[in-house]
């Protein structure tokens, strides 16, 4: 009877393909992250023939229920100017711009309220539209 332990070769997994898989996953997530839209508020915006490109310092959205969103945070109409000022002050942009992302059913009063707040804060406004 042989009671001595036998020496076996220790097997090691092959990790040569692991680097390739990690590179492909990293590449995939980088592409997906650049395509993701940070504005998660779904709106149907008006259509226009021309398109104006503008850097978005502050995005103010108005949905069909006439609710205001600064970024993705819901803001009461009374605190709109203060919320816009807080986000604009955090930005390091030389020329600050408010992009008004209003639903088709948003009233003109609410859009003008955002423009009025921007005028008080001396910030330029741009209305977001879908290009035909």
N, C-alpha and C. Protein backbone atom coordinates (compact mmCIF):
# COMPACT_ATOMS: atom_id res chain seq x y z
N UNK A 1 0.84 -1.17 0.00
CA UNK A 1 0.00 0.00 0.00
C UNK A 1 0.88 1.24 0.00
N UNK A 2 0.65 2.11 -0.92
CA UNK A 2 1.45 3.31 -1.08
C UNK A 2 0.71 4.48 -0.43
N UNK A 3 1.18 4.94 0.74
CA UNK A 3 0.53 6.02 1.47
C UNK A 3 1.19 7.37 1.25
N UNK A 4 2.24 7.40 0.49
CA UNK A 4 2.90 8.67 0.21
C UNK A 4 2.05 9.51 -0.73
N UNK A 5 1.99 10.82 -0.43
CA UNK A 5 1.22 11.67 -1.35
C UNK A 5 1.93 11.77 -2.69
N UNK A 6 1.16 11.76 -3.71
CA UNK A 6 1.75 11.86 -5.04
C UNK A 6 1.81 13.32 -5.45
N UNK A 7 2.83 13.67 -6.11
CA UNK A 7 2.99 15.03 -6.61
C UNK A 7 2.31 15.14 -7.97
N UNK A 8 1.36 16.04 -8.00
CA UNK A 8 0.67 16.25 -9.26
C UNK A 8 1.02 17.64 -9.78
N UNK A 9 0.98 17.77 -11.04
CA UNK A 9 1.19 19.09 -11.63
C UNK A 9 -0.02 19.96 -11.33
N UNK A 10 0.26 21.19 -10.87
CA UNK A 10 -0.84 22.12 -10.61
C UNK A 10 -1.26 22.73 -11.93
N UNK A 11 -2.55 22.66 -12.19
CA UNK A 11 -3.04 23.21 -13.45
C UNK A 11 -3.38 24.69 -13.26
N UNK A 12 -3.08 25.47 -14.25
CA UNK A 12 -3.37 26.90 -14.23
C UNK A 12 -4.28 27.22 -15.41
N UNK A 13 -5.28 28.07 -15.16
CA UNK A 13 -6.15 28.43 -16.29
C UNK A 13 -5.41 29.35 -17.26
N UNK A 14 -5.76 29.25 -18.49
CA UNK A 14 -5.15 30.10 -19.50
C UNK A 14 -5.84 31.46 -19.46
N UNK A 15 -5.09 32.49 -19.21
CA UNK A 15 -5.65 33.84 -19.09
C UNK A 15 -5.25 34.73 -20.26
N UNK A 16 -4.76 34.16 -21.30
CA UNK A 16 -4.32 34.98 -22.42
C UNK A 16 -5.51 35.65 -23.12
N UNK A 17 -6.67 35.03 -23.15
CA UNK A 17 -7.83 35.62 -23.81
C UNK A 17 -8.55 36.62 -22.90
N UNK A 18 -8.23 36.65 -21.62
CA UNK A 18 -8.91 37.53 -20.68
C UNK A 18 -8.66 39.00 -21.03
N UNK A 19 -7.46 39.34 -21.44
CA UNK A 19 -7.17 40.73 -21.82
C UNK A 19 -8.00 41.17 -23.02
N UNK A 20 -8.18 40.30 -23.98
CA UNK A 20 -8.98 40.63 -25.15
C UNK A 20 -10.44 40.85 -24.77
N UNK A 21 -10.95 40.01 -23.92
CA UNK A 21 -12.36 40.14 -23.50
C UNK A 21 -12.56 41.43 -22.73
N UNK A 22 -11.67 41.76 -21.82
CA UNK A 22 -11.79 42.99 -21.05
C UNK A 22 -11.69 44.22 -21.94
N UNK A 23 -10.83 44.18 -22.93
CA UNK A 23 -10.71 45.30 -23.86
C UNK A 23 -12.00 45.49 -24.65
N UNK A 24 -12.58 44.41 -25.11
CA UNK A 24 -13.84 44.49 -25.87
C UNK A 24 -14.96 45.02 -24.99
N UNK A 25 -15.05 44.57 -23.74
CA UNK A 25 -16.07 45.08 -22.82
C UNK A 25 -15.87 46.56 -22.53
N UNK A 26 -14.65 46.98 -22.32
CA UNK A 26 -14.37 48.39 -22.07
C UNK A 26 -14.76 49.23 -23.28
N UNK A 27 -14.41 48.77 -24.45
CA UNK A 27 -14.76 49.48 -25.68
C UNK A 27 -16.28 49.58 -25.84
N UNK A 28 -17.00 48.50 -25.56
CA UNK A 28 -18.46 48.49 -25.67
C UNK A 28 -19.07 49.50 -24.70
N UNK A 29 -18.64 49.52 -23.45
CA UNK A 29 -19.23 50.43 -22.47
C UNK A 29 -18.88 51.88 -22.76
N UNK A 30 -17.73 52.16 -23.33
CA UNK A 30 -17.40 53.52 -23.73
C UNK A 30 -18.32 54.01 -24.84
N UNK A 31 -18.60 53.16 -25.80
CA UNK A 31 -19.49 53.55 -26.89
C UNK A 31 -20.90 53.75 -26.37
N UNK A 32 -21.39 52.87 -25.53
CA UNK A 32 -22.74 53.00 -24.98
C UNK A 32 -22.86 54.25 -24.13
N UNK A 33 -21.82 54.58 -23.37
CA UNK A 33 -21.86 55.75 -22.50
C UNK A 33 -21.92 57.04 -23.31
N UNK A 34 -21.29 57.09 -24.47
CA UNK A 34 -21.33 58.30 -25.27
C UNK A 34 -22.66 58.45 -25.99
N UNK A 35 -23.36 57.35 -26.24
CA UNK A 35 -24.64 57.42 -26.91
C UNK A 35 -25.79 57.68 -25.95
N UNK A 36 -25.57 57.47 -24.67
CA UNK A 36 -26.65 57.65 -23.69
C UNK A 36 -27.00 59.13 -23.57
N UNK A 37 -28.28 59.41 -23.54
CA UNK A 37 -28.77 60.79 -23.43
C UNK A 37 -29.01 61.11 -21.96
N UNK A 38 -28.38 62.16 -21.43
CA UNK A 38 -28.57 62.45 -20.01
C UNK A 38 -29.95 62.99 -19.67
N UNK A 39 -30.67 63.51 -20.66
CA UNK A 39 -32.02 64.02 -20.42
C UNK A 39 -32.99 62.86 -20.51
N UNK A 40 -33.50 62.44 -19.36
CA UNK A 40 -34.38 61.28 -19.33
C UNK A 40 -35.85 61.68 -19.31
N UNK A 41 -36.14 62.96 -19.41
CA UNK A 41 -37.51 63.43 -19.43
C UNK A 41 -37.99 63.37 -20.88
N UNK A 42 -39.01 62.55 -21.13
CA UNK A 42 -39.49 62.35 -22.49
C UNK A 42 -40.46 63.46 -22.87
N UNK A 43 -40.12 64.19 -23.93
CA UNK A 43 -40.94 65.29 -24.41
C UNK A 43 -41.05 65.19 -25.92
N UNK A 44 -42.14 65.70 -26.46
CA UNK A 44 -42.26 65.86 -27.91
C UNK A 44 -42.11 67.35 -28.18
N UNK A 45 -40.97 67.71 -28.71
CA UNK A 45 -40.67 69.13 -28.93
C UNK A 45 -41.13 69.54 -30.32
N UNK A 46 -41.35 70.84 -30.53
CA UNK A 46 -41.78 71.32 -31.85
C UNK A 46 -40.72 71.06 -32.91
N UNK A 47 -41.15 71.06 -34.16
CA UNK A 47 -40.24 70.83 -35.28
C UNK A 47 -39.89 72.16 -35.94
N UNK A 48 -38.68 72.22 -36.50
CA UNK A 48 -38.23 73.41 -37.21
C UNK A 48 -37.38 72.99 -38.40
N UNK A 49 -37.20 73.92 -39.35
CA UNK A 49 -36.39 73.61 -40.53
C UNK A 49 -34.90 73.81 -40.28
N UNK A 50 -34.56 74.73 -39.40
CA UNK A 50 -33.15 74.97 -39.12
C UNK A 50 -32.83 74.51 -37.71
N UNK A 51 -31.55 74.34 -37.46
CA UNK A 51 -31.10 73.83 -36.16
C UNK A 51 -30.03 74.77 -35.62
N UNK A 52 -30.13 75.15 -34.36
CA UNK A 52 -29.14 76.01 -33.74
C UNK A 52 -28.32 75.19 -32.76
N UNK A 53 -27.03 75.17 -32.96
CA UNK A 53 -26.15 74.44 -32.05
C UNK A 53 -25.74 75.40 -30.93
N UNK A 54 -25.85 74.93 -29.70
CA UNK A 54 -25.49 75.75 -28.56
C UNK A 54 -24.99 74.87 -27.44
N UNK A 55 -24.02 75.36 -26.70
CA UNK A 55 -23.52 74.63 -25.55
C UNK A 55 -24.56 74.72 -24.45
N UNK A 56 -24.84 73.59 -23.82
CA UNK A 56 -25.90 73.52 -22.82
C UNK A 56 -25.32 73.70 -21.42
N UNK A 57 -25.45 74.90 -20.88
CA UNK A 57 -25.04 75.13 -19.51
C UNK A 57 -26.12 74.62 -18.57
N UNK A 58 -27.36 75.03 -18.82
CA UNK A 58 -28.51 74.62 -18.02
C UNK A 58 -29.60 74.14 -18.98
N UNK A 59 -30.20 73.00 -18.68
CA UNK A 59 -31.32 72.50 -19.48
C UNK A 59 -32.57 72.58 -18.61
N UNK A 60 -33.55 73.37 -19.07
CA UNK A 60 -34.83 73.49 -18.37
C UNK A 60 -35.88 72.82 -19.24
N UNK A 61 -36.55 71.82 -18.69
CA UNK A 61 -37.58 71.08 -19.43
C UNK A 61 -38.95 71.41 -18.85
N UNK A 62 -39.93 71.49 -19.74
CA UNK A 62 -41.31 71.70 -19.33
C UNK A 62 -42.12 70.60 -20.00
N UNK A 63 -42.77 69.74 -19.19
CA UNK A 63 -43.51 68.63 -19.77
C UNK A 63 -44.96 69.01 -20.03
N UNK A 64 -45.74 68.04 -20.51
CA UNK A 64 -47.14 68.33 -20.86
C UNK A 64 -48.01 68.64 -19.65
N UNK A 65 -47.55 68.30 -18.44
CA UNK A 65 -48.29 68.61 -17.21
C UNK A 65 -47.90 69.97 -16.65
N UNK A 66 -47.12 70.74 -17.42
CA UNK A 66 -46.65 72.08 -17.04
C UNK A 66 -45.74 72.04 -15.81
N UNK A 67 -44.95 70.98 -15.68
CA UNK A 67 -43.98 70.85 -14.58
C UNK A 67 -42.61 71.25 -15.10
N UNK A 68 -41.85 71.95 -14.26
CA UNK A 68 -40.51 72.41 -14.62
C UNK A 68 -39.47 71.42 -14.10
N UNK A 69 -38.44 71.18 -14.93
CA UNK A 69 -37.32 70.34 -14.54
C UNK A 69 -36.05 71.11 -14.88
N UNK A 70 -35.17 71.27 -13.92
CA UNK A 70 -33.84 71.84 -14.17
C UNK A 70 -32.90 70.65 -14.15
N UNK A 71 -32.35 70.32 -15.31
CA UNK A 71 -31.64 69.06 -15.45
C UNK A 71 -32.68 67.95 -15.44
N UNK A 72 -32.62 67.10 -14.43
CA UNK A 72 -33.64 66.06 -14.27
C UNK A 72 -34.38 66.21 -12.95
N UNK A 73 -34.15 67.31 -12.25
CA UNK A 73 -34.78 67.55 -10.95
C UNK A 73 -36.03 68.40 -11.14
N UNK A 74 -37.14 67.92 -10.59
CA UNK A 74 -38.39 68.68 -10.68
C UNK A 74 -38.33 69.87 -9.73
N UNK A 75 -38.67 71.05 -10.25
CA UNK A 75 -38.58 72.31 -9.50
C UNK A 75 -39.95 73.00 -9.53
N UNK A 76 -40.41 73.52 -8.38
CA UNK A 76 -41.64 74.33 -8.41
C UNK A 76 -41.40 75.63 -9.18
N UNK A 77 -42.44 76.17 -9.77
CA UNK A 77 -42.31 77.38 -10.58
C UNK A 77 -41.78 78.56 -9.77
N UNK A 78 -42.08 78.61 -8.49
CA UNK A 78 -41.63 79.72 -7.65
C UNK A 78 -40.12 79.69 -7.44
N UNK A 79 -39.51 78.51 -7.48
CA UNK A 79 -38.06 78.38 -7.23
C UNK A 79 -37.25 78.27 -8.51
N UNK A 80 -37.86 78.56 -9.64
CA UNK A 80 -37.20 78.35 -10.93
C UNK A 80 -35.93 79.20 -11.08
N UNK A 81 -36.04 80.48 -10.79
CA UNK A 81 -34.89 81.38 -10.95
C UNK A 81 -33.73 80.97 -10.04
N UNK A 82 -34.04 80.60 -8.81
CA UNK A 82 -33.00 80.20 -7.86
C UNK A 82 -32.32 78.90 -8.31
N UNK A 83 -33.10 77.93 -8.80
CA UNK A 83 -32.53 76.66 -9.25
C UNK A 83 -31.64 76.85 -10.47
N UNK A 84 -32.08 77.71 -11.40
CA UNK A 84 -31.26 77.99 -12.59
C UNK A 84 -29.96 78.68 -12.18
N UNK A 85 -30.04 79.62 -11.25
CA UNK A 85 -28.85 80.34 -10.80
C UNK A 85 -27.84 79.39 -10.14
N UNK A 86 -28.33 78.43 -9.35
CA UNK A 86 -27.43 77.47 -8.70
C UNK A 86 -26.68 76.63 -9.71
N UNK A 87 -27.39 76.12 -10.71
CA UNK A 87 -26.74 75.28 -11.73
C UNK A 87 -25.80 76.11 -12.59
N UNK A 88 -26.21 77.33 -12.94
CA UNK A 88 -25.37 78.19 -13.78
C UNK A 88 -24.10 78.61 -13.05
N UNK A 89 -24.19 78.86 -11.75
CA UNK A 89 -23.01 79.27 -10.99
C UNK A 89 -22.00 78.15 -10.84
N UNK A 90 -22.45 76.90 -10.88
CA UNK A 90 -21.54 75.76 -10.80
C UNK A 90 -20.75 75.57 -12.09
N UNK A 91 -21.29 76.10 -13.19
CA UNK A 91 -20.66 75.94 -14.49
C UNK A 91 -19.49 76.91 -14.64
N UNK A 92 -18.49 76.48 -15.38
CA UNK A 92 -17.32 77.31 -15.63
C UNK A 92 -17.35 77.94 -17.01
N UNK A 93 -18.50 77.84 -17.70
CA UNK A 93 -18.62 78.38 -19.06
C UNK A 93 -18.53 79.90 -19.05
N UNK A 94 -17.86 80.44 -20.05
CA UNK A 94 -17.75 81.89 -20.17
C UNK A 94 -19.08 82.49 -20.59
N UNK A 95 -19.73 81.87 -21.58
CA UNK A 95 -21.04 82.34 -22.02
C UNK A 95 -22.07 81.28 -21.65
N UNK A 96 -22.82 81.54 -20.62
CA UNK A 96 -23.79 80.57 -20.12
C UNK A 96 -25.04 80.60 -21.00
N UNK A 97 -25.64 79.42 -21.21
CA UNK A 97 -26.81 79.28 -22.06
C UNK A 97 -27.83 78.37 -21.40
N UNK A 98 -29.10 78.79 -21.43
CA UNK A 98 -30.19 77.95 -20.96
C UNK A 98 -30.89 77.38 -22.18
N UNK A 99 -30.98 76.06 -22.24
CA UNK A 99 -31.71 75.40 -23.32
C UNK A 99 -33.09 75.06 -22.78
N UNK A 100 -34.12 75.62 -23.40
CA UNK A 100 -35.50 75.37 -22.99
C UNK A 100 -36.01 74.20 -23.82
N UNK A 101 -36.27 73.11 -23.14
CA UNK A 101 -36.74 71.88 -23.77
C UNK A 101 -38.22 71.73 -23.42
N UNK A 102 -39.09 72.37 -24.20
CA UNK A 102 -40.51 72.42 -23.87
C UNK A 102 -41.31 71.45 -24.73
N UNK A 103 -42.27 70.79 -24.10
CA UNK A 103 -43.19 69.91 -24.82
C UNK A 103 -44.10 70.74 -25.71
N UNK A 104 -44.68 70.12 -26.73
CA UNK A 104 -45.61 70.84 -27.62
C UNK A 104 -46.80 71.39 -26.85
N UNK A 105 -47.19 70.69 -25.80
CA UNK A 105 -48.36 71.10 -25.03
C UNK A 105 -48.04 72.09 -23.91
N UNK A 106 -46.76 72.46 -23.75
CA UNK A 106 -46.39 73.44 -22.74
C UNK A 106 -46.94 74.81 -23.13
N UNK A 107 -47.44 75.54 -22.15
CA UNK A 107 -48.03 76.85 -22.45
C UNK A 107 -46.93 77.89 -22.64
N UNK A 108 -47.29 78.92 -23.38
CA UNK A 108 -46.34 80.00 -23.64
C UNK A 108 -45.98 80.73 -22.34
N UNK A 109 -46.91 80.77 -21.38
CA UNK A 109 -46.63 81.41 -20.10
C UNK A 109 -45.44 80.77 -19.39
N UNK A 110 -45.38 79.44 -19.43
CA UNK A 110 -44.28 78.74 -18.77
C UNK A 110 -42.96 78.95 -19.49
N UNK A 111 -43.00 78.97 -20.81
CA UNK A 111 -41.78 79.22 -21.58
C UNK A 111 -41.28 80.64 -21.32
N UNK A 112 -42.20 81.58 -21.27
CA UNK A 112 -41.82 82.98 -20.99
C UNK A 112 -41.31 83.12 -19.56
N UNK A 113 -41.82 82.32 -18.63
CA UNK A 113 -41.33 82.37 -17.24
C UNK A 113 -39.86 81.97 -17.18
N UNK A 114 -39.47 80.97 -17.96
CA UNK A 114 -38.06 80.57 -18.02
C UNK A 114 -37.24 81.67 -18.67
N UNK A 115 -37.75 82.27 -19.74
CA UNK A 115 -37.03 83.36 -20.41
C UNK A 115 -36.88 84.57 -19.49
N UNK A 116 -37.91 84.84 -18.71
CA UNK A 116 -37.85 85.97 -17.77
C UNK A 116 -36.79 85.72 -16.69
N UNK A 117 -36.73 84.49 -16.18
CA UNK A 117 -35.71 84.14 -15.19
C UNK A 117 -34.32 84.28 -15.79
N UNK A 118 -34.17 83.87 -17.04
CA UNK A 118 -32.88 83.98 -17.72
C UNK A 118 -32.50 85.44 -17.94
N UNK A 119 -33.49 86.26 -18.26
CA UNK A 119 -33.21 87.69 -18.47
C UNK A 119 -32.75 88.34 -17.17
N UNK A 120 -33.37 87.98 -16.06
CA UNK A 120 -32.96 88.53 -14.76
C UNK A 120 -31.53 88.10 -14.43
N UNK A 121 -31.21 86.83 -14.75
CA UNK A 121 -29.87 86.30 -14.46
C UNK A 121 -28.85 86.67 -15.55
N UNK A 122 -29.32 87.32 -16.62
CA UNK A 122 -28.48 87.72 -17.75
C UNK A 122 -27.79 86.51 -18.40
N UNK A 123 -28.63 85.51 -18.69
CA UNK A 123 -28.17 84.30 -19.35
C UNK A 123 -28.93 84.16 -20.66
N UNK A 124 -28.24 83.75 -21.70
CA UNK A 124 -28.84 83.57 -23.02
C UNK A 124 -29.74 82.34 -23.02
N UNK A 125 -30.85 82.38 -23.78
CA UNK A 125 -31.77 81.25 -23.88
C UNK A 125 -31.86 80.75 -25.31
N UNK A 126 -32.08 79.45 -25.44
CA UNK A 126 -32.27 78.80 -26.73
C UNK A 126 -33.41 77.81 -26.56
N UNK A 127 -34.34 77.78 -27.53
CA UNK A 127 -35.45 76.83 -27.50
C UNK A 127 -35.07 75.60 -28.31
N UNK A 128 -35.15 74.43 -27.69
CA UNK A 128 -34.81 73.19 -28.36
C UNK A 128 -35.95 72.75 -29.27
N UNK A 129 -35.62 72.35 -30.50
CA UNK A 129 -36.61 71.87 -31.47
C UNK A 129 -36.06 70.62 -32.16
N UNK A 130 -36.95 69.84 -32.75
CA UNK A 130 -36.56 68.71 -33.59
C UNK A 130 -36.39 69.20 -35.00
N UNK A 131 -35.34 68.75 -35.66
CA UNK A 131 -35.12 69.14 -37.05
C UNK A 131 -35.93 68.22 -37.96
N UNK A 132 -36.56 68.80 -38.98
CA UNK A 132 -37.36 67.99 -39.92
C UNK A 132 -36.49 67.01 -40.65
